[in-house]
C-alpha atoms as a PDB file:
ATOM      1  CA  UNK A   1       4.366 187.390-152.666  1.00  0.00           C
ATOM      2  CA  UNK A   2       3.771 184.602-155.181  1.00  0.00           C
ATOM      3  CA  UNK A   3       4.275 181.888-152.559  1.00  0.00           C
ATOM      4  CA  UNK A   4       1.860 183.674-150.219  1.00  0.00           C
ATOM      5  CA  UNK A   5      -0.870 184.049-152.859  1.00  0.00           C
ATOM      6  CA  UNK A   6      -0.700 180.331-153.644  1.00  0.00           C
ATOM      7  CA  UNK A   7      -1.215 179.286-150.017  1.00  0.00           C
ATOM      8  CA  UNK A   8      -4.734 178.055-149.275  1.00  0.00           C
ATOM      9  CA  UNK A   9      -6.734 180.672-147.430  1.00  0.00           C
ATOM     10  CA  UNK A  10      -4.125 183.360-148.086  1.00  0.00           C
ATOM     11  CA  UNK A  11      -5.664 185.253-150.974  1.00  0.00           C
ATOM     12  CA  UNK A  12      -4.569 188.892-151.302  1.00  0.00           C
ATOM     13  CA  UNK A  13      -6.893 191.669-150.202  1.00  0.00           C
ATOM     14  CA  UNK A  14      -9.226 193.056-152.865  1.00  0.00           C
ATOM     15  CA  UNK A  15     -10.236 196.566-153.821  1.00  0.00           C
ATOM     16  CA  UNK A  16      -7.330 198.695-152.629  1.00  0.00           C
ATOM     17  CA  UNK A  17      -3.636 198.394-151.882  1.00  0.00           C
ATOM     18  CA  UNK A  18      -4.059 197.802-148.145  1.00  0.00           C
ATOM     19  CA  UNK A  19      -6.635 197.561-145.380  1.00  0.00           C
ATOM     20  CA  UNK A  20      -4.529 199.555-142.946  1.00  0.00           C
ATOM     21  CA  UNK A  21      -6.759 198.972-139.920  1.00  0.00           C
ATOM     22  CA  UNK A  22      -6.594 195.209-140.314  1.00  0.00           C
ATOM     23  CA  UNK A  23      -2.871 195.345-141.030  1.00  0.00           C
ATOM     24  CA  UNK A  24      -2.298 197.285-137.804  1.00  0.00           C
ATOM     25  CA  UNK A  25      -4.252 194.611-135.881  1.00  0.00           C
ATOM     26  CA  UNK A  26      -2.828 191.484-137.531  1.00  0.00           C
ATOM     27  CA  UNK A  27       0.328 192.412-139.445  1.00  0.00           C
ATOM     28  CA  UNK A  28      -0.791 189.897-142.073  1.00  0.00           C
ATOM     29  CA  UNK A  29       0.190 190.350-145.736  1.00  0.00           C
ATOM     30  CA  UNK A  30      -3.354 189.182-146.518  1.00  0.00           C
ATOM     31  CA  UNK A  31      -4.435 192.736-145.710  1.00  0.00           C
ATOM     32  CA  UNK A  32      -2.686 193.896-148.894  1.00  0.00           C
ATOM     33  CA  UNK A  33      -3.554 193.280-152.521  1.00  0.00           C
ATOM     34  CA  UNK A  34      -0.930 191.712-154.784  1.00  0.00           C
ATOM     35  CA  UNK A  35       0.353 195.129-155.856  1.00  0.00           C
ATOM     36  CA  UNK A  36       0.493 196.246-152.217  1.00  0.00           C
ATOM     37  CA  UNK A  37       2.477 193.150-151.298  1.00  0.00           C
ATOM     38  CA  UNK A  38       4.922 193.803-154.138  1.00  0.00           C
ATOM     39  CA  UNK A  39       5.411 197.424-153.132  1.00  0.00           C
ATOM     40  CA  UNK A  40       5.770 196.588-149.432  1.00  0.00           C
ATOM     41  CA  UNK A  41       7.955 193.484-149.552  1.00  0.00           C
ATOM     42  CA  UNK A  42       9.931 194.039-152.749  1.00  0.00           C
ATOM     43  CA  UNK A  43       9.829 197.834-152.927  1.00  0.00           C
ATOM     44  CA  UNK A  44      10.263 198.504-149.195  1.00  0.00           C
ATOM     45  CA  UNK A  45       7.237 200.815-149.041  1.00  0.00           C
ATOM     46  CA  UNK A  46       5.656 201.287-145.622  1.00  0.00           C
ATOM     47  CA  UNK A  47       2.015 200.275-145.059  1.00  0.00           C
ATOM     48  CA  UNK A  48       1.103 203.895-144.263  1.00  0.00           C
ATOM     49  CA  UNK A  49       2.547 204.943-147.609  1.00  0.00           C
ATOM     50  CA  UNK A  50       0.459 202.307-149.398  1.00  0.00           C
ATOM     51  CA  UNK A  51      -2.676 203.590-147.690  1.00  0.00           C
ATOM     52  CA  UNK A  52      -2.194 207.042-149.231  1.00  0.00           C
ATOM     53  CA  UNK A  53      -0.878 205.956-152.635  1.00  0.00           C
ATOM     54  CA  UNK A  54      -2.977 206.702-155.728  1.00  0.00           C
ATOM     55  CA  UNK A  55      -3.843 203.575-157.766  1.00  0.00           C
ATOM     56  CA  UNK A  56      -2.446 204.897-161.056  1.00  0.00           C
ATOM     57  CA  UNK A  57       0.836 205.684-159.322  1.00  0.00           C
ATOM     58  CA  UNK A  58       0.842 202.170-157.840  1.00  0.00           C
ATOM     59  CA  UNK A  59       0.277 200.674-161.312  1.00  0.00           C
ATOM     60  CA  UNK A  60       3.363 202.488-162.626  1.00  0.00           C
ATOM     61  CA  UNK A  61       5.485 201.712-159.560  1.00  0.00           C
ATOM     62  CA  UNK A  62       4.659 197.993-159.676  1.00  0.00           C
ATOM     63  CA  UNK A  63       5.412 197.855-163.398  1.00  0.00           C
ATOM     64  CA  UNK A  64       8.820 199.426-162.804  1.00  0.00           C
ATOM     65  CA  UNK A  65       9.539 197.332-159.698  1.00  0.00           C
ATOM     66  CA  UNK A  66       8.693 194.007-161.355  1.00  0.00           C
ATOM     67  CA  UNK A  67      10.061 194.903-164.789  1.00  0.00           C
ATOM     68  CA  UNK A  68       6.692 194.386-166.458  1.00  0.00           C
ATOM     69  CA  UNK A  69       4.544 196.613-168.647  1.00  0.00           C
ATOM     70  CA  UNK A  70       1.940 198.984-167.313  1.00  0.00           C
ATOM     71  CA  UNK A  71      -0.736 196.780-168.881  1.00  0.00           C
ATOM     72  CA  UNK A  72       0.694 193.723-167.107  1.00  0.00           C
ATOM     73  CA  UNK A  73       0.666 195.609-163.799  1.00  0.00           C
ATOM     74  CA  UNK A  74      -2.963 196.592-164.292  1.00  0.00           C
ATOM     75  CA  UNK A  75      -3.762 192.987-165.201  1.00  0.00           C
ATOM     76  CA  UNK A  76      -2.219 191.940-161.880  1.00  0.00           C
ATOM     77  CA  UNK A  77      -4.560 194.363-160.105  1.00  0.00           C
ATOM     78  CA  UNK A  78      -7.558 193.365-162.212  1.00  0.00           C
ATOM     79  CA  UNK A  79      -7.140 189.636-161.585  1.00  0.00           C
ATOM     80  CA  UNK A  80      -6.516 190.296-157.902  1.00  0.00           C
ATOM     81  CA  UNK A  81      -9.725 192.320-157.607  1.00  0.00           C
ATOM     82  CA  UNK A  82     -12.252 190.769-159.940  1.00  0.00           C
ATOM     83  CA  UNK A  83     -11.224 188.314-162.618  1.00  0.00           C
ATOM     84  CA  UNK A  84     -10.833 184.558-162.172  1.00  0.00           C
ATOM     85  CA  UNK A  85      -7.368 183.272-161.518  1.00  0.00           C
ATOM     86  CA  UNK A  86      -4.587 183.877-159.083  1.00  0.00           C
ATOM     87  CA  UNK A  87      -2.403 186.981-159.077  1.00  0.00           C
ATOM     88  CA  UNK A  88       0.537 184.557-159.036  1.00  0.00           C
ATOM     89  CA  UNK A  89      -0.625 183.220-162.422  1.00  0.00           C
ATOM     90  CA  UNK A  90      -0.495 186.721-163.889  1.00  0.00           C
ATOM     91  CA  UNK A  91       3.232 186.768-163.168  1.00  0.00           C
ATOM     92  CA  UNK A  92       4.220 183.113-163.481  1.00  0.00           C
ATOM     93  CA  UNK A  93       1.755 181.784-166.079  1.00  0.00           C
ATOM     94  CA  UNK A  94       0.109 184.719-167.872  1.00  0.00           C
ATOM     95  CA  UNK A  95      -1.260 182.363-170.532  1.00  0.00           C
ATOM     96  CA  UNK A  96      -3.681 181.006-167.924  1.00  0.00           C
ATOM     97  CA  UNK A  97      -5.186 184.486-167.716  1.00  0.00           C
ATOM     98  CA  UNK A  98      -4.690 185.937-171.221  1.00  0.00           C
ATOM     99  CA  UNK A  99      -4.876 182.778-173.280  1.00  0.00           C
ATOM    100  CA  UNK A 100      -2.590 181.244-175.874  1.00  0.00           C
ATOM    101  CA  UNK A 101      -1.285 184.547-177.240  1.00  0.00           C
ATOM    102  CA  UNK A 102      -0.243 185.961-173.857  1.00  0.00           C
ATOM    103  CA  UNK A 103       3.402 186.278-174.906  1.00  0.00           C
ATOM    104  CA  UNK A 104       2.435 188.465-177.865  1.00  0.00           C
ATOM    105  CA  UNK A 105       0.021 190.616-175.834  1.00  0.00           C
ATOM    106  CA  UNK A 106       2.638 191.159-173.124  1.00  0.00           C
ATOM    107  CA  UNK A 107       5.248 192.060-175.742  1.00  0.00           C
ATOM    108  CA  UNK A 108       2.857 194.536-177.368  1.00  0.00           C
ATOM    109  CA  UNK A 109       2.110 196.169-174.004  1.00  0.00           C
ATOM    110  CA  UNK A 110       5.857 196.538-173.380  1.00  0.00           C
ATOM    111  CA  UNK A 111       6.149 198.101-176.841  1.00  0.00           C
ATOM    112  CA  UNK A 112       3.431 200.611-175.924  1.00  0.00           C
ATOM    113  CA  UNK A 113       5.334 201.542-172.780  1.00  0.00           C
ATOM    114  CA  UNK A 114       8.414 202.124-174.918  1.00  0.00           C
ATOM    115  CA  UNK A 115       6.446 204.481-177.147  1.00  0.00           C
ATOM    116  CA  UNK A 116       5.557 206.572-174.120  1.00  0.00           C
ATOM    117  CA  UNK A 117       1.870 205.705-173.899  1.00  0.00           C
ATOM    118  CA  UNK A 118       1.607 206.216-170.190  1.00  0.00           C
ATOM    119  CA  UNK A 119      -1.169 207.521-168.020  1.00  0.00           C
ATOM    120  CA  UNK A 120      -1.335 211.313-168.197  1.00  0.00           C
ATOM    121  CA  UNK A 121      -4.111 212.534-165.890  1.00  0.00           C
ATOM    122  CA  UNK A 122      -3.642 216.114-167.101  1.00  0.00           C
ATOM    123  CA  UNK A 123      -4.099 215.079-170.746  1.00  0.00           C
ATOM    124  CA  UNK A 124      -6.183 211.919-171.288  1.00  0.00           C
ATOM    125  CA  UNK A 125      -5.761 212.191-175.063  1.00  0.00           C
ATOM    126  CA  UNK A 126      -2.049 211.343-174.589  1.00  0.00           C
ATOM    127  CA  UNK A 127      -2.862 208.195-172.635  1.00  0.00           C
ATOM    128  CA  UNK A 128      -3.435 204.654-173.675  1.00  0.00           C
ATOM    129  CA  UNK A 129      -5.742 203.329-171.045  1.00  0.00           C
ATOM    130  CA  UNK A 130      -4.266 200.133-169.646  1.00  0.00           C
ATOM    131  CA  UNK A 131      -7.518 199.240-167.866  1.00  0.00           C
ATOM    132  CA  UNK A 132      -9.491 199.343-171.095  1.00  0.00           C
ATOM    133  CA  UNK A 133      -6.840 197.405-172.965  1.00  0.00           C
ATOM    134  CA  UNK A 134      -6.948 194.681-170.302  1.00  0.00           C
ATOM    135  CA  UNK A 135     -10.740 194.608-170.450  1.00  0.00           C
ATOM    136  CA  UNK A 136     -10.932 194.148-174.176  1.00  0.00           C
ATOM    137  CA  UNK A 137      -8.056 191.694-174.352  1.00  0.00           C
ATOM    138  CA  UNK A 138      -9.613 189.487-171.704  1.00  0.00           C
ATOM    139  CA  UNK A 139     -13.130 189.982-173.068  1.00  0.00           C
ATOM    140  CA  UNK A 140     -11.955 188.625-176.380  1.00  0.00           C
ATOM    141  CA  UNK A 141     -10.841 185.435-174.710  1.00  0.00           C
ATOM    142  CA  UNK A 142     -13.172 182.757-173.505  1.00  0.00           C
ATOM    143  CA  UNK A 143     -13.284 184.039-169.941  1.00  0.00           C
ATOM    144  CA  UNK A 144     -16.948 184.941-169.852  1.00  0.00           C
ATOM    145  CA  UNK A 145     -16.181 188.494-168.716  1.00  0.00           C
ATOM    146  CA  UNK A 146     -16.751 191.599-170.765  1.00  0.00           C
ATOM    147  CA  UNK A 147     -16.440 195.262-169.873  1.00  0.00           C
ATOM    148  CA  UNK A 148     -16.712 198.194-172.258  1.00  0.00           C
ATOM    149  CA  UNK A 149     -13.942 200.655-172.951  1.00  0.00           C
ATOM    150  CA  UNK A 150     -14.809 204.163-171.817  1.00  0.00           C
ATOM    151  CA  UNK A 151     -11.871 206.158-173.227  1.00  0.00           C
ATOM    152  CA  UNK A 152     -12.770 207.174-176.767  1.00  0.00           C
ATOM    153  CA  UNK A 153      -9.395 208.658-177.723  1.00  0.00           C
ATOM    154  CA  UNK A 154      -8.355 207.493-181.152  1.00  0.00           C
ATOM    155  CA  UNK A 155      -4.892 206.273-180.118  1.00  0.00           C
ATOM    156  CA  UNK A 156      -6.347 204.226-177.277  1.00  0.00           C
ATOM    157  CA  UNK A 157      -8.823 202.693-179.702  1.00  0.00           C
ATOM    158  CA  UNK A 158      -5.941 201.778-182.012  1.00  0.00           C
ATOM    159  CA  UNK A 159      -4.069 200.032-179.176  1.00  0.00           C
ATOM    160  CA  UNK A 160      -7.169 198.115-178.112  1.00  0.00           C
ATOM    161  CA  UNK A 161      -7.895 197.006-181.661  1.00  0.00           C
ATOM    162  CA  UNK A 162      -4.270 195.989-182.152  1.00  0.00           C
ATOM    163  CA  UNK A 163      -4.617 193.683-179.127  1.00  0.00           C
ATOM    164  CA  UNK A 164      -7.781 192.284-180.670  1.00  0.00           C
ATOM    165  CA  UNK A 165      -5.824 191.612-183.882  1.00  0.00           C
ATOM    166  CA  UNK A 166      -3.166 189.800-181.852  1.00  0.00           C
ATOM    167  CA  UNK A 167      -5.798 187.610-180.220  1.00  0.00           C
ATOM    168  CA  UNK A 168      -7.465 186.803-183.549  1.00  0.00           C
ATOM    169  CA  UNK A 169      -4.386 186.834-185.766  1.00  0.00           C
ATOM    170  CA  UNK A 170      -4.764 183.231-186.916  1.00  0.00           C
ATOM    171  CA  UNK A 171      -8.057 184.131-188.592  1.00  0.00           C
ATOM    172  CA  UNK A 172      -6.863 187.353-190.237  1.00  0.00           C
ATOM    173  CA  UNK A 173      -5.188 187.678-193.622  1.00  0.00           C
ATOM    174  CA  UNK A 174      -3.869 191.175-192.939  1.00  0.00           C
ATOM    175  CA  UNK A 175      -3.773 193.702-190.147  1.00  0.00           C
ATOM    176  CA  UNK A 176      -4.988 197.261-189.982  1.00  0.00           C
ATOM    177  CA  UNK A 177      -4.079 198.358-186.436  1.00  0.00           C
ATOM    178  CA  UNK A 178      -0.836 196.499-185.681  1.00  0.00           C
ATOM    179  CA  UNK A 179       1.009 198.232-188.572  1.00  0.00           C
ATOM    180  CA  UNK A 180       0.154 201.577-186.961  1.00  0.00           C
ATOM    181  CA  UNK A 181       2.442 200.471-184.130  1.00  0.00           C
ATOM    182  CA  UNK A 182       5.196 199.230-186.429  1.00  0.00           C
ATOM    183  CA  UNK A 183       4.199 195.582-186.877  1.00  0.00           C
ATOM    184  CA  UNK A 184       3.144 194.507-190.356  1.00  0.00           C
ATOM    185  CA  UNK A 185       2.956 190.857-189.286  1.00  0.00           C
ATOM    186  CA  UNK A 186       2.723 188.775-186.128  1.00  0.00           C
ATOM    187  CA  UNK A 187       6.238 187.519-186.864  1.00  0.00           C
ATOM    188  CA  UNK A 188       7.470 191.106-186.757  1.00  0.00           C
ATOM    189  CA  UNK A 189       5.977 191.438-183.263  1.00  0.00           C
ATOM    190  CA  UNK A 190       7.536 188.111-182.245  1.00  0.00           C
ATOM    191  CA  UNK A 191      10.969 189.307-183.418  1.00  0.00           C
ATOM    192  CA  UNK A 192      10.711 192.740-181.811  1.00  0.00           C
ATOM    193  CA  UNK A 193      13.046 193.562-178.979  1.00  0.00           C
ATOM    194  CA  UNK A 194      11.247 195.463-176.268  1.00  0.00           C
END
């Protein structure tokens, strides 16, 4: 998957997991997005299965398959579909996409997964919205892209603001949001085992 996405002219498909019609005609992996390629080639999922798979389910499956956080999986999708950069960079060099504090952001997202903040379509108040967290984390970097969070749940707001504190931690004397997730300092986050 990574090798394929780095090949000139072989960018993954955008917008959905697979363009099934084109795949049936060509058999090319370029008819699948990066998540679709991961699920097909690493997860042994059939193209017809990908065509019917819900995106939130795909986000969770890719996270589990690749051993990454839900936020990291959504970032893979987001970069594939709309943000600058290569999906391969999301996995191999996340700092190229998230900036100098990528390791801390990725660790925090893994911590959120461990707390059980997963997507719950039946109860949005229980969810931390990975899409919104990606948006605000990347908007805070010098990428020139900015989207607004739409989920107003308090816990989601806390997670988003904690990511903002991570990004700006060198300019802050103390934290308000990170301690709500168990991290009084950036060093505490660095030392955390997730």
